[in-house]
Amino acid sequence: MAVAITAIAITGLLSALSTGSLAVRRIDRRVTAENVARAQLEYTKSQAYIIAPASYAIISPLPDGYSVTAEGSALAGRDDDIQKVTVTVAHNGETAVVLEDYKVNR
């Protein structure tokens, strides 16, 4: 009887550890993607202004499995001195984070 109770307790503990490990990996990927996106957005804002539509240079090196795009698009009804910048970070081909901000021509 004691062996059965111990086996059930150990099975429950191993299941909890497995679930926790998966959650930590998922959160780690999300945090990494958000950090890459923020770094890319700041890098894009520091680059020379390109009239939209525009593709900006990408930070390097990127963590393994991550890819980034940084696109500038014109704002409807606005002049060419302001644009919306969209940074998309993908992990293993799947979109992880999308950040948007504005870039002005100074």
Protein backbone atom coordinates (compact mmCIF):
# COMPACT_ATOMS: atom_id res chain seq x y z
CA MET A 1 0.00 0.00 0.00
CA ALA A 2 2.82 2.41 0.88
CA VAL A 3 4.53 1.68 -2.45
CA ALA A 4 1.34 2.54 -4.36
CA ILE A 5 0.92 5.83 -2.50
CA THR A 6 4.59 6.71 -3.07
CA ALA A 7 4.27 5.87 -6.80
CA ILE A 8 1.21 8.10 -7.13
CA ALA A 9 2.98 10.95 -5.32
CA ILE A 10 6.09 10.62 -7.50
CA THR A 11 3.97 10.52 -10.68
CA GLY A 12 2.19 13.70 -9.62
CA LEU A 13 5.48 15.42 -8.83
CA LEU A 14 7.01 14.45 -12.19
CA SER A 15 3.91 15.67 -14.01
CA ALA A 16 4.10 19.03 -12.22
CA LEU A 17 7.79 19.39 -13.05
CA SER A 18 7.15 18.62 -16.71
CA THR A 19 4.33 21.17 -16.94
CA GLY A 20 6.46 23.77 -15.17
CA SER A 21 9.38 23.15 -17.52
CA LEU A 22 7.17 23.65 -20.58
CA ALA A 23 5.77 26.89 -19.16
CA VAL A 24 9.25 28.23 -18.42
CA ARG A 25 10.41 27.46 -21.98
CA ARG A 26 7.35 29.19 -23.46
CA ILE A 27 7.87 32.28 -21.28
CA ASP A 28 11.59 32.33 -22.12
CA ARG A 29 10.83 32.35 -25.86
CA ARG A 30 8.29 35.17 -25.37
CA VAL A 31 10.68 37.31 -23.29
CA THR A 32 13.50 36.78 -25.79
CA ALA A 33 11.21 37.76 -28.67
CA GLU A 34 10.06 40.91 -26.84
CA ASN A 35 13.66 41.93 -26.08
CA VAL A 36 14.70 41.39 -29.70
CA ALA A 37 11.68 43.42 -30.89
CA ARG A 38 12.45 46.33 -28.55
CA ALA A 39 16.12 46.33 -29.55
CA GLN A 40 15.15 46.27 -33.23
CA LEU A 41 12.67 49.11 -32.79
CA GLU A 42 15.29 51.31 -31.12
CA TYR A 43 17.85 50.39 -33.79
CA THR A 44 15.34 51.24 -36.53
CA LYS A 45 14.56 54.61 -34.94
CA SER A 46 18.29 55.42 -34.84
CA GLN A 47 18.78 54.71 -38.56
CA ALA A 48 18.50 57.31 -41.30
CA TYR A 49 14.92 58.07 -42.33
CA ILE A 50 13.73 56.33 -45.51
CA ILE A 51 10.50 57.48 -47.17
CA ALA A 52 7.80 54.82 -46.84
CA PRO A 53 7.27 52.12 -47.83
CA ALA A 54 10.62 51.13 -46.38
CA SER A 55 12.49 48.13 -45.05
CA TYR A 56 15.07 48.91 -42.40
CA ALA A 57 18.31 47.07 -41.58
CA ILE A 58 18.06 44.29 -39.00
CA ILE A 59 20.09 43.95 -35.81
CA SER A 60 22.73 41.27 -35.76
CA PRO A 61 23.35 38.69 -34.45
CA LEU A 62 19.95 37.26 -33.61
CA PRO A 63 19.39 34.39 -31.17
CA ASP A 64 19.11 30.99 -32.85
CA GLY A 65 15.68 30.34 -34.34
CA TYR A 66 14.60 34.01 -34.39
CA SER A 67 14.00 36.24 -37.41
CA VAL A 68 13.06 39.92 -37.58
CA THR A 69 11.52 42.34 -40.07
CA ALA A 70 11.29 46.12 -39.67
CA GLU A 71 8.95 47.89 -42.10
CA GLY A 72 8.02 51.56 -42.35
CA SER A 73 4.62 52.50 -43.77
CA ALA A 74 3.12 55.87 -44.62
CA LEU A 75 0.32 57.31 -42.55
CA ALA A 76 -2.81 58.17 -44.53
CA GLY A 77 -3.33 61.89 -44.85
CA ARG A 78 0.06 62.75 -43.36
CA ASP A 79 3.24 64.12 -44.89
CA ASP A 80 6.25 62.01 -45.76
CA ASP A 81 8.10 63.05 -42.58
CA ILE A 82 6.33 60.59 -40.28
CA GLN A 83 5.74 56.87 -40.64
CA LYS A 84 4.59 53.89 -38.64
CA VAL A 85 7.31 51.31 -38.04
CA THR A 86 6.24 47.71 -37.52
CA VAL A 87 8.74 45.24 -36.09
CA THR A 88 7.82 41.55 -36.35
CA VAL A 89 9.79 38.86 -34.54
CA ALA A 90 9.27 35.22 -35.45
CA HIS A 91 10.55 32.12 -33.69
CA ASN A 92 11.01 29.06 -35.90
CA GLY A 93 8.78 30.64 -38.56
CA GLU A 94 5.91 31.43 -36.19
CA THR A 95 5.14 35.09 -35.31
CA ALA A 96 6.02 35.67 -31.66
CA VAL A 97 5.80 39.47 -31.20
CA VAL A 98 4.69 42.49 -33.24
CA LEU A 99 5.61 46.01 -32.04
CA GLU A 100 4.60 49.29 -33.66
CA ASP A 101 5.90 52.81 -33.13
CA TYR A 102 6.41 56.01 -35.11
CA LYS A 103 9.50 57.39 -36.77
CA VAL A 104 9.89 61.03 -37.78
CA ASN A 105 12.28 62.64 -40.22
CA ARG A 106 14.43 65.02 -38.16
